[in-house]
Amino acid sequence: MRRMPSVHSHVVQSVPADAQIDLQSCTGDWCYGSWRGLSGYLPSFAVAQAGPPVVAPPPPVVVSPTLGWGGPYVGVGYGWGWRHW
């Protein structure tokens, strides 16, 4: 972040690539904004403006098939198969 919109201007602070900057305006090759209480200019190519938030869809609901008598077998055991009582 620089004091003026010029590569030759004094550096105000270094801003990490993943920082969330409060942008106030972008004109041409420079954007003006603030981060951690300090204001200045950043090259516009280094600023990625966030779009709308991405919302992940809920996980799918998996329904197991019934076996004609009310539901799948539930029990404790090892391996696959039917347990006869």
N, C-alpha and C. Protein backbone atom coordinates (compact mmCIF):
# COMPACT_ATOMS: atom_id res chain seq x y z
N MET A 1 0.86 -1.16 0.00
CA MET A 1 0.00 0.00 0.00
C MET A 1 0.91 1.23 0.00
N ARG A 2 0.60 2.16 -0.90
CA ARG A 2 1.44 3.36 -1.05
C ARG A 2 0.68 4.63 -0.70
N ARG A 3 1.43 5.67 -0.36
CA ARG A 3 0.83 6.94 0.03
C ARG A 3 0.13 7.62 -1.15
N MET A 4 0.71 7.53 -2.34
CA MET A 4 0.16 8.14 -3.56
C MET A 4 0.05 7.05 -4.63
N PRO A 5 -0.77 7.26 -5.67
CA PRO A 5 -0.90 6.25 -6.73
C PRO A 5 0.27 6.27 -7.70
N SER A 6 1.43 5.82 -7.21
CA SER A 6 2.64 5.78 -8.02
C SER A 6 3.57 4.71 -7.46
N VAL A 7 4.25 4.00 -8.35
CA VAL A 7 5.21 2.98 -7.90
C VAL A 7 6.40 3.62 -7.20
N HIS A 8 6.59 4.93 -7.36
CA HIS A 8 7.70 5.64 -6.75
C HIS A 8 7.31 6.29 -5.43
N SER A 9 6.06 6.16 -5.01
CA SER A 9 5.56 6.76 -3.78
C SER A 9 5.99 5.95 -2.56
N HIS A 10 6.01 6.59 -1.41
CA HIS A 10 6.38 5.96 -0.14
C HIS A 10 5.43 4.80 0.19
N VAL A 11 5.97 3.69 0.66
CA VAL A 11 5.17 2.53 1.06
C VAL A 11 4.59 2.79 2.46
N VAL A 12 3.28 2.72 2.57
CA VAL A 12 2.59 2.92 3.85
C VAL A 12 2.68 1.64 4.69
N GLN A 13 2.35 0.51 4.07
CA GLN A 13 2.41 -0.79 4.74
C GLN A 13 2.34 -1.90 3.70
N SER A 14 2.83 -3.07 4.09
CA SER A 14 2.70 -4.25 3.23
C SER A 14 1.40 -4.95 3.60
N VAL A 15 0.65 -5.33 2.58
CA VAL A 15 -0.64 -5.97 2.77
C VAL A 15 -0.55 -7.39 2.23
N PRO A 16 -0.86 -8.41 3.05
CA PRO A 16 -0.82 -9.78 2.56
C PRO A 16 -1.83 -10.02 1.44
N ALA A 17 -1.56 -11.00 0.62
CA ALA A 17 -2.41 -11.30 -0.54
C ALA A 17 -3.84 -11.67 -0.14
N ASP A 18 -4.04 -12.28 1.02
CA ASP A 18 -5.39 -12.71 1.41
C ASP A 18 -6.09 -11.74 2.36
N ALA A 19 -5.56 -10.51 2.50
CA ALA A 19 -6.16 -9.53 3.40
C ALA A 19 -7.48 -9.00 2.84
N GLN A 20 -8.40 -8.70 3.73
CA GLN A 20 -9.68 -8.09 3.34
C GLN A 20 -9.55 -6.59 3.52
N ILE A 21 -9.49 -5.89 2.42
CA ILE A 21 -9.25 -4.45 2.40
C ILE A 21 -10.58 -3.73 2.24
N ASP A 22 -10.74 -2.62 2.92
CA ASP A 22 -11.91 -1.77 2.74
C ASP A 22 -11.63 -0.83 1.57
N LEU A 23 -12.13 -1.19 0.39
CA LEU A 23 -11.91 -0.37 -0.80
C LEU A 23 -12.91 0.78 -0.85
N GLN A 24 -12.42 1.96 -1.22
CA GLN A 24 -13.30 3.12 -1.35
C GLN A 24 -13.49 3.50 -2.81
N SER A 25 -12.46 3.31 -3.63
CA SER A 25 -12.60 3.61 -5.05
C SER A 25 -11.47 2.96 -5.83
N CYS A 26 -11.73 2.70 -7.10
CA CYS A 26 -10.72 2.21 -8.04
C CYS A 26 -10.84 3.04 -9.31
N THR A 27 -9.72 3.60 -9.73
CA THR A 27 -9.68 4.41 -10.94
C THR A 27 -8.43 4.05 -11.72
N GLY A 28 -8.61 3.58 -12.93
CA GLY A 28 -7.45 3.23 -13.75
C GLY A 28 -6.64 2.10 -13.14
N ASP A 29 -5.38 2.38 -12.90
CA ASP A 29 -4.46 1.35 -12.41
C ASP A 29 -4.35 1.28 -10.89
N TRP A 30 -5.07 2.13 -10.16
CA TRP A 30 -4.93 2.19 -8.71
C TRP A 30 -6.28 2.15 -8.00
N CYS A 31 -6.26 1.56 -6.80
CA CYS A 31 -7.42 1.53 -5.91
C CYS A 31 -7.03 2.18 -4.59
N TYR A 32 -7.98 2.93 -4.02
CA TYR A 32 -7.74 3.57 -2.72
C TYR A 32 -8.56 2.83 -1.67
N GLY A 33 -7.91 2.49 -0.57
CA GLY A 33 -8.62 1.79 0.49
C GLY A 33 -7.84 1.81 1.78
N SER A 34 -8.34 1.07 2.75
CA SER A 34 -7.68 1.01 4.05
C SER A 34 -7.60 -0.42 4.54
N TRP A 35 -6.60 -0.65 5.38
CA TRP A 35 -6.41 -1.95 6.01
C TRP A 35 -5.69 -1.72 7.33
N ARG A 36 -6.24 -2.27 8.39
CA ARG A 36 -5.68 -2.13 9.74
C ARG A 36 -5.43 -0.68 10.13
N GLY A 37 -6.37 0.18 9.81
CA GLY A 37 -6.31 1.56 10.25
C GLY A 37 -5.46 2.50 9.40
N LEU A 38 -4.80 2.00 8.39
CA LEU A 38 -3.99 2.84 7.51
C LEU A 38 -4.59 2.87 6.12
N SER A 39 -4.57 4.04 5.48
CA SER A 39 -5.14 4.20 4.13
C SER A 39 -4.03 4.43 3.12
N GLY A 40 -4.33 4.06 1.87
CA GLY A 40 -3.37 4.27 0.81
C GLY A 40 -3.84 3.67 -0.49
N TYR A 41 -2.94 3.62 -1.44
CA TYR A 41 -3.25 3.15 -2.79
C TYR A 41 -2.61 1.79 -3.04
N LEU A 42 -3.35 0.97 -3.74
CA LEU A 42 -2.88 -0.37 -4.13
C LEU A 42 -3.04 -0.50 -5.64
N PRO A 43 -2.10 -1.18 -6.30
CA PRO A 43 -2.28 -1.41 -7.74
C PRO A 43 -3.54 -2.23 -7.99
N SER A 44 -4.33 -1.81 -8.97
CA SER A 44 -5.60 -2.50 -9.22
C SER A 44 -5.42 -3.96 -9.60
N PHE A 45 -4.29 -4.33 -10.23
CA PHE A 45 -4.08 -5.74 -10.59
C PHE A 45 -3.90 -6.61 -9.35
N ALA A 46 -3.56 -6.00 -8.21
CA ALA A 46 -3.35 -6.76 -6.98
C ALA A 46 -4.61 -6.88 -6.14
N VAL A 47 -5.68 -6.24 -6.59
CA VAL A 47 -6.93 -6.23 -5.83
C VAL A 47 -7.96 -7.11 -6.52
N ALA A 48 -8.49 -8.07 -5.80
CA ALA A 48 -9.57 -8.92 -6.31
C ALA A 48 -10.81 -8.58 -5.52
N GLN A 49 -11.80 -8.05 -6.18
CA GLN A 49 -13.03 -7.69 -5.49
C GLN A 49 -13.88 -8.92 -5.29
N ALA A 50 -14.42 -9.04 -4.10
CA ALA A 50 -15.24 -10.20 -3.76
C ALA A 50 -16.61 -10.08 -4.40
N GLY A 51 -17.11 -11.19 -4.84
CA GLY A 51 -18.47 -11.25 -5.38
C GLY A 51 -19.43 -11.63 -4.27
N PRO A 52 -20.61 -12.06 -4.63
CA PRO A 52 -21.57 -12.49 -3.61
C PRO A 52 -21.04 -13.70 -2.86
N PRO A 53 -21.43 -13.88 -1.62
CA PRO A 53 -20.94 -15.03 -0.86
C PRO A 53 -21.37 -16.34 -1.51
N VAL A 54 -20.50 -17.31 -1.43
CA VAL A 54 -20.78 -18.63 -1.98
C VAL A 54 -21.41 -19.48 -0.88
N VAL A 55 -22.59 -20.00 -1.16
CA VAL A 55 -23.30 -20.83 -0.20
C VAL A 55 -23.34 -22.25 -0.72
N ALA A 56 -22.77 -23.14 0.06
CA ALA A 56 -22.76 -24.55 -0.35
C ALA A 56 -24.15 -25.15 -0.15
N PRO A 57 -24.62 -25.97 -1.09
CA PRO A 57 -25.92 -26.60 -0.93
C PRO A 57 -25.87 -27.62 0.21
N PRO A 58 -27.01 -27.91 0.80
CA PRO A 58 -27.02 -28.91 1.88
C PRO A 58 -26.66 -30.29 1.32
N PRO A 59 -26.16 -31.18 2.18
CA PRO A 59 -25.82 -32.52 1.69
C PRO A 59 -27.08 -33.26 1.25
N PRO A 60 -26.94 -34.18 0.31
CA PRO A 60 -28.12 -34.92 -0.16
C PRO A 60 -28.65 -35.86 0.93
N VAL A 61 -29.93 -36.11 0.87
CA VAL A 61 -30.57 -37.04 1.80
C VAL A 61 -30.56 -38.42 1.14
N VAL A 62 -29.99 -39.40 1.82
CA VAL A 62 -29.91 -40.75 1.29
C VAL A 62 -30.95 -41.60 2.00
N VAL A 63 -31.82 -42.20 1.22
CA VAL A 63 -32.88 -43.05 1.77
C VAL A 63 -32.61 -44.48 1.34
N SER A 64 -32.50 -45.36 2.32
CA SER A 64 -32.24 -46.76 1.98
C SER A 64 -33.55 -47.44 1.59
N PRO A 65 -33.48 -48.38 0.68
CA PRO A 65 -34.71 -49.07 0.24
C PRO A 65 -35.26 -49.97 1.34
N THR A 66 -36.57 -50.12 1.36
CA THR A 66 -37.19 -51.04 2.32
C THR A 66 -37.23 -52.43 1.72
N LEU A 67 -37.35 -53.41 2.59
CA LEU A 67 -37.36 -54.80 2.13
C LEU A 67 -38.74 -55.43 2.23
N GLY A 68 -39.79 -54.63 2.31
CA GLY A 68 -41.14 -55.17 2.33
C GLY A 68 -41.69 -55.43 3.71
N TRP A 69 -40.87 -55.44 4.74
CA TRP A 69 -41.36 -55.70 6.10
C TRP A 69 -41.07 -54.54 7.02
N GLY A 70 -40.85 -53.35 6.45
CA GLY A 70 -40.73 -52.17 7.29
C GLY A 70 -39.37 -51.51 7.29
N GLY A 71 -38.36 -52.14 6.77
CA GLY A 71 -37.08 -51.45 6.74
C GLY A 71 -35.91 -52.37 6.56
N PRO A 72 -34.75 -51.79 6.43
CA PRO A 72 -33.55 -52.60 6.25
C PRO A 72 -33.15 -53.27 7.56
N TYR A 73 -32.35 -54.31 7.46
CA TYR A 73 -31.86 -55.03 8.63
C TYR A 73 -30.95 -54.13 9.44
N VAL A 74 -31.18 -54.08 10.74
CA VAL A 74 -30.30 -53.34 11.64
C VAL A 74 -29.88 -54.30 12.73
N GLY A 75 -28.61 -54.42 12.93
CA GLY A 75 -28.14 -55.33 13.96
C GLY A 75 -26.64 -55.20 14.13
N VAL A 76 -26.10 -55.97 15.03
CA VAL A 76 -24.67 -55.94 15.30
C VAL A 76 -24.07 -57.24 14.81
N GLY A 77 -23.00 -57.17 14.12
CA GLY A 77 -22.35 -58.36 13.63
C GLY A 77 -21.18 -57.98 12.75
N TYR A 78 -20.53 -58.94 12.22
CA TYR A 78 -19.37 -58.71 11.36
C TYR A 78 -19.70 -59.17 9.95
N GLY A 79 -19.28 -58.41 8.98
CA GLY A 79 -19.47 -58.81 7.59
C GLY A 79 -20.89 -58.55 7.12
N TRP A 80 -21.19 -59.12 5.98
CA TRP A 80 -22.49 -58.93 5.36
C TRP A 80 -23.33 -60.18 5.53
N GLY A 81 -24.62 -60.03 5.46
CA GLY A 81 -25.50 -61.19 5.51
C GLY A 81 -26.66 -60.95 6.45
N TRP A 82 -27.50 -61.95 6.54
CA TRP A 82 -28.69 -61.86 7.38
C TRP A 82 -28.43 -62.63 8.66
N ARG A 83 -28.96 -62.14 9.71
CA ARG A 83 -28.83 -62.83 10.99
C ARG A 83 -30.19 -63.46 11.31
N HIS A 84 -30.22 -64.75 11.49
CA HIS A 84 -31.47 -65.44 11.78
C HIS A 84 -31.54 -65.68 13.28
N TRP A 85 -32.66 -65.31 13.87
CA TRP A 85 -32.82 -65.46 15.34
C TRP A 85 -33.55 -66.70 15.66
